[in-house]
Amino acid sequence: KFAIKSEWRTAMDQVSALSRDEYRQIVRHTPQFVPYFRAATPELELAALNVGSRPAKRNPKGGVESLRAIPWIFSWSQNRNNCPAWLGVKNLAQLDQAILQDMYANWGWF
């Protein structure tokens, strides 16, 4: 078992916040996102499935907020894009590289 250093927690909190902000910017404020999402994932097909107690969409012409949870999550996992996770990778360059190297060398999870 290993102990998680406080600077590791701080670094992970930083990259988490940067990644979240990047994700929200792309998903909520990039007009091309919903068309990309629908072209790159099986969202429309999954939305047509009878899974869940409510309609798959709130508004067929709406943005990302119109998508229902089940097609949204299933679509990301079905295409194995993992875009939400990859959005954080570029933010690692903003962190202290010595701390990242320490995390890589000494933290089994990292």
C-alpha atoms as a PDB file:
ATOM      1  CA  LYS A   1       0.000   0.000   0.000  1.00  0.00           C
ATOM      2  CA  PHE A   2       1.178   3.538  -0.678  1.00  0.00           C
ATOM      3  CA  ALA A   3       0.515   6.910   0.839  1.00  0.00           C
ATOM      4  CA  ILE A   4      -0.820   9.678  -1.359  1.00  0.00           C
ATOM      5  CA  LYS A   5       1.261  12.798  -0.941  1.00  0.00           C
ATOM      6  CA  SER A   6      -0.508  16.117  -0.461  1.00  0.00           C
ATOM      7  CA  GLU A   7       1.217  17.594  -3.542  1.00  0.00           C
ATOM      8  CA  TRP A   8      -0.180  14.693  -5.594  1.00  0.00           C
ATOM      9  CA  ARG A   9      -3.682  15.502  -4.399  1.00  0.00           C
ATOM     10  CA  THR A  10      -3.147  19.160  -5.234  1.00  0.00           C
ATOM     11  CA  ALA A  11      -1.880  18.280  -8.716  1.00  0.00           C
ATOM     12  CA  MET A  12      -4.853  15.990  -9.346  1.00  0.00           C
ATOM     13  CA  ASP A  13      -7.262  18.666  -8.114  1.00  0.00           C
ATOM     14  CA  GLN A  14      -5.650  21.143 -10.506  1.00  0.00           C
ATOM     15  CA  VAL A  15      -5.791  18.884 -13.555  1.00  0.00           C
ATOM     16  CA  SER A  16      -9.339  17.872 -12.648  1.00  0.00           C
ATOM     17  CA  ALA A  17     -10.490  21.495 -12.545  1.00  0.00           C
ATOM     18  CA  LEU A  18      -8.665  22.362 -15.780  1.00  0.00           C
ATOM     19  CA  SER A  19     -10.080  19.300 -17.523  1.00  0.00           C
ATOM     20  CA  ARG A  20     -13.614  19.963 -16.300  1.00  0.00           C
ATOM     21  CA  ASP A  21     -13.455  23.528 -17.560  1.00  0.00           C
ATOM     22  CA  GLU A  22     -12.091  22.394 -20.932  1.00  0.00           C
ATOM     23  CA  TYR A  23     -14.803  19.743 -21.234  1.00  0.00           C
ATOM     24  CA  ARG A  24     -17.580  22.180 -20.366  1.00  0.00           C
ATOM     25  CA  GLN A  25     -16.228  24.761 -22.799  1.00  0.00           C
ATOM     26  CA  ILE A  26     -16.244  22.274 -25.657  1.00  0.00           C
ATOM     27  CA  VAL A  27     -19.517  20.557 -24.832  1.00  0.00           C
ATOM     28  CA  ARG A  28     -21.557  23.610 -23.911  1.00  0.00           C
ATOM     29  CA  HIS A  29     -20.041  26.419 -25.961  1.00  0.00           C
ATOM     30  CA  THR A  30     -18.792  24.883 -29.203  1.00  0.00           C
ATOM     31  CA  PRO A  31     -21.572  24.968 -31.819  1.00  0.00           C
ATOM     32  CA  GLN A  32     -20.004  22.093 -33.772  1.00  0.00           C
ATOM     33  CA  PHE A  33     -19.992  19.742 -30.788  1.00  0.00           C
ATOM     34  CA  VAL A  34     -23.518  18.302 -31.027  1.00  0.00           C
ATOM     35  CA  PRO A  35     -23.238  17.606 -34.784  1.00  0.00           C
ATOM     36  CA  TYR A  36     -19.842  15.972 -34.148  1.00  0.00           C
ATOM     37  CA  PHE A  37     -21.246  13.923 -31.274  1.00  0.00           C
ATOM     38  CA  ARG A  38     -24.143  12.698 -33.368  1.00  0.00           C
ATOM     39  CA  ALA A  39     -21.873  11.829 -36.304  1.00  0.00           C
ATOM     40  CA  ALA A  40     -19.188  10.112 -34.215  1.00  0.00           C
ATOM     41  CA  THR A  41     -21.397   8.144 -31.827  1.00  0.00           C
ATOM     42  CA  PRO A  42     -24.486   5.938 -32.062  1.00  0.00           C
ATOM     43  CA  GLU A  43     -26.467   8.486 -30.026  1.00  0.00           C
ATOM     44  CA  LEU A  44     -29.420   8.649 -32.414  1.00  0.00           C
ATOM     45  CA  GLU A  45     -29.698   4.867 -32.534  1.00  0.00           C
ATOM     46  CA  LEU A  46     -29.412   4.552 -28.768  1.00  0.00           C
ATOM     47  CA  ALA A  47     -31.953   7.300 -28.260  1.00  0.00           C
ATOM     48  CA  ALA A  48     -34.431   5.215 -30.264  1.00  0.00           C
ATOM     49  CA  LEU A  49     -34.105   2.246 -27.886  1.00  0.00           C
ATOM     50  CA  ASN A  50     -36.814   1.740 -25.321  1.00  0.00           C
ATOM     51  CA  VAL A  51     -34.562   2.006 -22.263  1.00  0.00           C
ATOM     52  CA  GLY A  52     -35.605   4.262 -19.448  1.00  0.00           C
ATOM     53  CA  SER A  53     -38.869   5.689 -18.315  1.00  0.00           C
ATOM     54  CA  ARG A  54     -38.648   9.060 -20.050  1.00  0.00           C
ATOM     55  CA  PRO A  55     -38.099  10.164 -23.643  1.00  0.00           C
ATOM     56  CA  ALA A  56     -34.537   9.890 -24.921  1.00  0.00           C
ATOM     57  CA  LYS A  57     -34.552  13.554 -25.932  1.00  0.00           C
ATOM     58  CA  ARG A  58     -36.133  16.627 -24.512  1.00  0.00           C
ATOM     59  CA  ASN A  59     -35.902  18.700 -27.684  1.00  0.00           C
ATOM     60  CA  PRO A  60     -34.703  17.152 -30.956  1.00  0.00           C
ATOM     61  CA  LYS A  61     -33.249  20.473 -32.109  1.00  0.00           C
ATOM     62  CA  GLY A  62     -31.646  21.385 -28.798  1.00  0.00           C
ATOM     63  CA  GLY A  63     -28.022  21.383 -27.812  1.00  0.00           C
ATOM     64  CA  VAL A  64     -26.227  19.009 -25.498  1.00  0.00           C
ATOM     65  CA  GLU A  65     -28.623  19.824 -22.663  1.00  0.00           C
ATOM     66  CA  SER A  66     -31.403  18.202 -24.700  1.00  0.00           C
ATOM     67  CA  LEU A  67     -29.747  14.781 -24.619  1.00  0.00           C
ATOM     68  CA  ARG A  68     -30.882  12.204 -22.097  1.00  0.00           C
ATOM     69  CA  ALA A  69     -28.402  10.493 -19.799  1.00  0.00           C
ATOM     70  CA  ILE A  70     -28.618   6.921 -21.097  1.00  0.00           C
ATOM     71  CA  PRO A  71     -27.909   7.677 -24.782  1.00  0.00           C
ATOM     72  CA  TRP A  72     -25.274  10.228 -23.746  1.00  0.00           C
ATOM     73  CA  ILE A  73     -23.258   7.817 -21.586  1.00  0.00           C
ATOM     74  CA  PHE A  74     -23.805   4.764 -23.781  1.00  0.00           C
ATOM     75  CA  SER A  75     -22.748   6.723 -26.870  1.00  0.00           C
ATOM     76  CA  TRP A  76     -19.416   7.735 -25.366  1.00  0.00           C
ATOM     77  CA  SER A  77     -18.668   4.197 -24.259  1.00  0.00           C
ATOM     78  CA  GLN A  78     -19.848   2.522 -27.471  1.00  0.00           C
ATOM     79  CA  ASN A  79     -17.505   4.431 -29.744  1.00  0.00           C
ATOM     80  CA  ARG A  80     -14.569   4.164 -27.318  1.00  0.00           C
ATOM     81  CA  ASN A  81     -13.677   7.761 -28.095  1.00  0.00           C
ATOM     82  CA  ASN A  82     -13.132   8.703 -24.453  1.00  0.00           C
ATOM     83  CA  CYS A  83     -13.050  12.343 -25.480  1.00  0.00           C
ATOM     84  CA  PRO A  84     -13.979  13.515 -21.964  1.00  0.00           C
ATOM     85  CA  ALA A  85     -10.884  11.831 -20.521  1.00  0.00           C
ATOM     86  CA  TRP A  86      -8.516  12.977 -23.250  1.00  0.00           C
ATOM     87  CA  LEU A  87      -9.477  16.614 -22.836  1.00  0.00           C
ATOM     88  CA  GLY A  88      -7.451  16.667 -19.620  1.00  0.00           C
ATOM     89  CA  VAL A  89      -4.204  15.340 -21.051  1.00  0.00           C
ATOM     90  CA  LYS A  90      -3.035  18.648 -22.505  1.00  0.00           C
ATOM     91  CA  ASN A  91      -3.508  20.252 -19.096  1.00  0.00           C
ATOM     92  CA  LEU A  92      -0.735  18.102 -17.630  1.00  0.00           C
ATOM     93  CA  ALA A  93       1.782  20.448 -19.254  1.00  0.00           C
ATOM     94  CA  GLN A  94       0.562  23.187 -16.907  1.00  0.00           C
ATOM     95  CA  LEU A  95       1.534  21.208 -13.804  1.00  0.00           C
ATOM     96  CA  ASP A  96       4.878  20.946 -12.050  1.00  0.00           C
ATOM     97  CA  GLN A  97       6.749  18.336 -14.081  1.00  0.00           C
ATOM     98  CA  ALA A  98       8.793  17.173 -11.076  1.00  0.00           C
ATOM     99  CA  ILE A  99       5.579  16.332  -9.226  1.00  0.00           C
ATOM    100  CA  LEU A 100       4.228  14.486 -12.264  1.00  0.00           C
ATOM    101  CA  GLN A 101       7.450  12.475 -12.530  1.00  0.00           C
ATOM    102  CA  ASP A 102       7.240  11.653  -8.830  1.00  0.00           C
ATOM    103  CA  MET A 103       3.626  10.554  -9.258  1.00  0.00           C
ATOM    104  CA  TYR A 104       4.534   8.389 -12.244  1.00  0.00           C
ATOM    105  CA  ALA A 105       7.443   6.742 -10.454  1.00  0.00           C
ATOM    106  CA  ASN A 106       5.873   6.235  -7.044  1.00  0.00           C
ATOM    107  CA  TRP A 107       2.098   6.139  -7.321  1.00  0.00           C
ATOM    108  CA  GLY A 108       0.725   2.858  -8.605  1.00  0.00           C
ATOM    109  CA  TRP A 109      -2.563   4.390  -9.741  1.00  0.00           C
ATOM    110  CA  PHE A 110      -0.875   7.046 -11.861  1.00  0.00           C
END
